[in-house]
Amino acid sequence: MSRRNNGLPSRAELMQPVFSAIQECGGKAGKAKMYKKVVEKLNLPDEVLSIKHGTSTYYESELDYQIAWVRTMLKKAGVLETDSRGTWYISPAYKDVRYIDGKEIFKKAQYLFVAGKKEAGTESMVNEEINTYTVSAKNNSTPLNAQVRNINVKISPSDIIYEGSSIYFICGRCNHRYKMAPRCPECGQLVKLEVHHV
């Protein structure tokens, strides 16, 4: 397991320990119980566990903060669900799963954040292959935002495609495929995209 400079596992590496911790708690767990289980699993030295997340008093430690992000990403990818009381559950689609590929789930969650998918988009991807990251253009060869005439008015790509570590956009104006950039190199269209850094 690789480590960040501060000795903590990456978020992708924390996916399985968080998932397993909830499984071992009977498929549901609150934040504190989950944190304790993950700490037991990782067996990290005290100096790493004692690293604070800046001046925050909300998080017990930097690890607690990273686990909070991992829970959010697992929820975004359809692996976990939560309720208003802060209890986290393994979603029905993953109840019989014992192992998740942290790197693939991480990519899927990143894709969903980047694509700006809300609940409907998230749910539609739960039953797809975890290594599929293509947003369908609904078999429409006409750009979805072709009616926008000013290239400086931001429009969303009609497709976002993940291939390995590369991200490609399909321009919403001209359908040109290009590596992720703020503008389409073919027609100059400005891209509308919310990126959540994780």
Protein backbone atom coordinates (compact mmCIF):
# COMPACT_ATOMS: atom_id res chain seq x y z
CA MET A 1 0.00 0.00 0.00
CA SER A 2 1.49 3.32 -1.07
CA ARG A 3 1.43 6.27 1.28
CA ARG A 4 1.04 10.01 0.95
CA ASN A 5 3.90 12.17 2.23
CA ASN A 6 2.19 12.25 5.63
CA GLY A 7 2.03 8.44 5.80
CA LEU A 8 -1.71 8.15 5.14
CA PRO A 9 -3.13 5.84 2.45
CA SER A 10 -4.62 7.53 -0.60
CA ARG A 11 -8.38 7.85 -0.92
CA ALA A 12 -8.43 5.03 -3.48
CA GLU A 13 -6.59 2.83 -0.98
CA LEU A 14 -9.05 3.71 1.79
CA MET A 15 -12.08 2.54 -0.22
CA GLN A 16 -11.81 -1.16 0.68
CA PRO A 17 -11.04 -0.62 4.39
CA VAL A 18 -14.07 1.69 4.73
CA PHE A 19 -16.28 -0.75 2.81
CA SER A 20 -15.05 -3.72 4.90
CA ALA A 21 -15.50 -1.79 8.15
CA ILE A 22 -19.18 -1.24 7.37
CA GLN A 23 -19.58 -4.90 6.36
CA GLU A 24 -18.09 -6.01 9.67
CA CYS A 25 -20.56 -3.76 11.50
CA GLY A 26 -23.46 -5.68 9.94
CA GLY A 27 -23.81 -3.60 6.78
CA LYS A 28 -24.39 -0.28 8.55
CA ALA A 29 -22.35 1.98 10.80
CA GLY A 30 -22.17 5.48 12.21
CA LYS A 31 -19.17 7.71 11.66
CA ALA A 32 -17.42 6.97 14.99
CA LYS A 33 -17.84 3.19 14.81
CA MET A 34 -16.66 3.14 11.20
CA TYR A 35 -13.60 5.28 12.02
CA LYS A 36 -12.60 2.96 14.86
CA LYS A 37 -12.89 -0.13 12.61
CA VAL A 38 -10.87 1.48 9.81
CA VAL A 39 -8.14 2.49 12.28
CA GLU A 40 -7.96 -1.13 13.52
CA LYS A 41 -7.67 -2.41 9.95
CA LEU A 42 -4.95 0.02 8.85
CA ASN A 43 -2.74 -0.41 11.92
CA LEU A 44 -1.12 2.98 11.35
CA PRO A 45 1.48 4.40 13.75
CA ASP A 46 0.29 6.89 16.38
CA GLU A 47 2.21 9.76 14.79
CA VAL A 48 0.16 9.31 11.60
CA LEU A 49 -3.14 8.90 13.44
CA SER A 50 -2.47 12.08 15.42
CA ILE A 51 -2.09 14.30 12.33
CA LYS A 52 -4.77 16.98 12.54
CA HIS A 53 -6.75 18.30 9.59
CA GLY A 54 -5.54 21.88 9.70
CA THR A 55 -7.20 23.76 12.53
CA SER A 56 -10.51 21.90 12.14
CA THR A 57 -12.16 20.69 15.32
CA TYR A 58 -14.89 18.84 13.40
CA TYR A 59 -12.61 16.03 12.27
CA GLU A 60 -10.79 13.86 14.80
CA SER A 61 -7.75 13.72 12.51
CA GLU A 62 -6.57 14.00 8.92
CA LEU A 63 -7.48 10.32 8.52
CA ASP A 64 -11.01 11.11 9.73
CA TYR A 65 -11.24 13.83 7.07
CA GLN A 66 -9.99 11.48 4.34
CA ILE A 67 -12.46 8.79 5.44
CA ALA A 68 -15.28 11.37 5.22
CA TRP A 69 -14.27 12.04 1.62
CA VAL A 70 -14.10 8.32 0.87
CA ARG A 71 -17.62 7.81 2.26
CA THR A 72 -18.86 10.64 0.04
CA MET A 73 -17.16 9.11 -3.00
CA LEU A 74 -18.53 5.65 -2.22
CA LYS A 75 -21.98 7.16 -1.97
CA LYS A 76 -21.52 9.01 -5.26
CA ALA A 77 -20.49 5.75 -6.94
CA GLY A 78 -23.57 3.96 -5.60
CA VAL A 79 -21.70 1.72 -3.15
CA LEU A 80 -22.98 3.34 0.06
CA GLU A 81 -26.14 5.09 1.20
CA THR A 82 -26.76 7.27 4.23
CA ASP A 83 -29.72 8.49 6.22
CA SER A 84 -30.55 11.71 8.04
CA ARG A 85 -29.11 10.32 11.31
CA GLY A 86 -25.66 9.88 9.78
CA THR A 87 -25.79 6.09 9.55
CA TRP A 88 -24.03 4.67 6.49
CA TYR A 89 -25.31 1.55 4.73
CA ILE A 90 -23.99 -0.71 1.99
CA SER A 91 -26.33 -0.21 -0.97
CA PRO A 92 -28.44 -3.18 -2.15
CA ALA A 93 -26.34 -3.47 -5.32
CA TYR A 94 -23.22 -4.18 -3.20
CA LYS A 95 -24.69 -6.23 -0.33
CA ASP A 96 -23.18 -9.50 -1.59
CA VAL A 97 -19.89 -7.97 -2.71
CA ARG A 98 -16.84 -8.67 -0.56
CA TYR A 99 -14.16 -6.78 -2.46
CA ILE A 100 -14.31 -3.49 -4.32
CA ASP A 101 -11.57 -2.14 -6.56
CA GLY A 102 -10.69 1.14 -4.87
CA LYS A 103 -8.98 2.60 -7.93
CA GLU A 104 -11.95 1.88 -10.17
CA ILE A 105 -14.50 3.15 -7.65
CA PHE A 106 -12.36 6.27 -7.16
CA LYS A 107 -12.36 6.89 -10.94
CA LYS A 108 -16.10 6.32 -11.14
CA ALA A 109 -16.79 8.77 -8.30
CA GLN A 110 -14.44 11.32 -9.87
CA TYR A 111 -16.26 10.95 -13.17
CA LEU A 112 -19.62 11.52 -11.50
CA PHE A 113 -18.34 14.61 -9.70
CA VAL A 114 -16.80 15.99 -12.88
CA ALA A 115 -19.85 15.24 -14.97
CA GLY A 116 -22.00 16.96 -12.36
CA LYS A 117 -24.39 14.04 -12.14
CA LYS A 118 -27.12 14.31 -9.53
CA GLU A 119 -29.09 11.41 -8.03
CA ALA A 120 -30.62 10.23 -11.31
CA GLY A 121 -27.24 10.06 -13.00
CA THR A 122 -25.68 8.25 -10.09
CA GLU A 123 -28.42 5.65 -9.94
CA SER A 124 -28.28 4.98 -13.66
CA MET A 125 -24.62 4.01 -13.35
CA VAL A 126 -24.90 1.64 -10.37
CA ASN A 127 -25.69 -1.38 -12.53
CA GLU A 128 -23.10 -0.59 -15.21
CA GLU A 129 -19.63 -2.06 -15.36
CA ILE A 130 -17.52 -0.21 -12.81
CA ASN A 131 -14.80 0.42 -15.41
CA THR A 132 -17.17 2.18 -17.84
CA TYR A 133 -16.91 5.95 -17.76
CA THR A 134 -18.66 7.09 -20.91
CA VAL A 135 -21.66 9.36 -20.82
CA SER A 136 -23.92 8.53 -23.73
CA ALA A 137 -24.78 11.26 -26.19
CA LYS A 138 -28.11 9.45 -26.59
CA ASN A 139 -27.13 8.39 -30.11
CA ASN A 140 -27.66 11.93 -31.31
CA SER A 141 -25.07 13.13 -33.80
CA THR A 142 -26.30 16.72 -33.45
CA PRO A 143 -24.45 18.58 -30.70
CA LEU A 144 -26.67 18.99 -27.65
CA ASN A 145 -25.84 22.69 -27.30
CA ALA A 146 -25.47 23.68 -30.95
CA GLN A 147 -28.06 26.41 -30.49
CA VAL A 148 -25.60 28.42 -28.37
CA ARG A 149 -23.98 30.87 -30.78
CA ASN A 150 -21.46 32.65 -28.55
CA ILE A 151 -18.39 30.46 -27.90
CA ASN A 152 -17.75 32.42 -24.69
CA VAL A 153 -21.04 31.23 -23.18
CA LYS A 154 -20.08 28.07 -21.32
CA ILE A 155 -21.77 24.83 -22.41
CA SER A 156 -21.30 21.29 -21.14
CA PRO A 157 -19.59 18.63 -23.24
CA SER A 158 -22.02 16.23 -24.90
CA ASP A 159 -19.80 13.34 -23.74
CA ILE A 160 -17.04 12.81 -21.21
CA ILE A 161 -14.89 9.74 -21.82
CA TYR A 162 -12.33 8.20 -19.47
CA GLU A 163 -9.60 6.15 -21.08
CA GLY A 164 -6.99 5.00 -18.62
CA SER A 165 -5.75 8.13 -16.86
CA SER A 166 -6.90 10.45 -19.66
CA ILE A 167 -10.16 12.38 -19.83
CA TYR A 168 -11.66 13.34 -23.20
CA PHE A 169 -14.54 15.69 -23.95
CA ILE A 170 -16.88 15.61 -26.92
CA CYS A 171 -17.60 19.24 -27.71
CA GLY A 172 -21.23 20.23 -27.18
CA ARG A 173 -21.01 22.58 -30.15
CA CYS A 174 -19.07 20.77 -32.90
CA ASN A 175 -18.77 17.15 -31.63
CA HIS A 176 -14.95 17.32 -31.81
CA ARG A 177 -13.22 14.89 -29.43
CA TYR A 178 -10.36 16.41 -27.47
CA LYS A 179 -8.33 15.92 -24.31
CA MET A 180 -9.83 17.74 -21.33
CA ALA A 181 -9.27 21.49 -21.71
CA PRO A 182 -11.13 24.70 -20.86
CA ARG A 183 -11.98 25.26 -24.57
CA CYS A 184 -12.56 23.05 -27.58
CA PRO A 185 -9.45 23.35 -29.80
CA GLU A 186 -11.59 22.91 -32.92
CA CYS A 187 -14.29 25.60 -32.51
CA GLY A 188 -13.09 27.48 -29.41
CA GLN A 189 -16.21 26.74 -27.34
CA LEU A 190 -15.78 27.48 -23.62
CA VAL A 191 -16.51 24.42 -21.49
CA LYS A 192 -18.94 24.42 -18.57
CA LEU A 193 -17.72 21.95 -15.99
CA GLU A 194 -17.69 21.80 -12.20
CA VAL A 195 -14.60 19.98 -10.99
CA HIS A 196 -14.53 18.74 -7.39
CA HIS A 197 -10.91 18.17 -6.45
CA VAL A 198 -10.51 15.00 -4.46
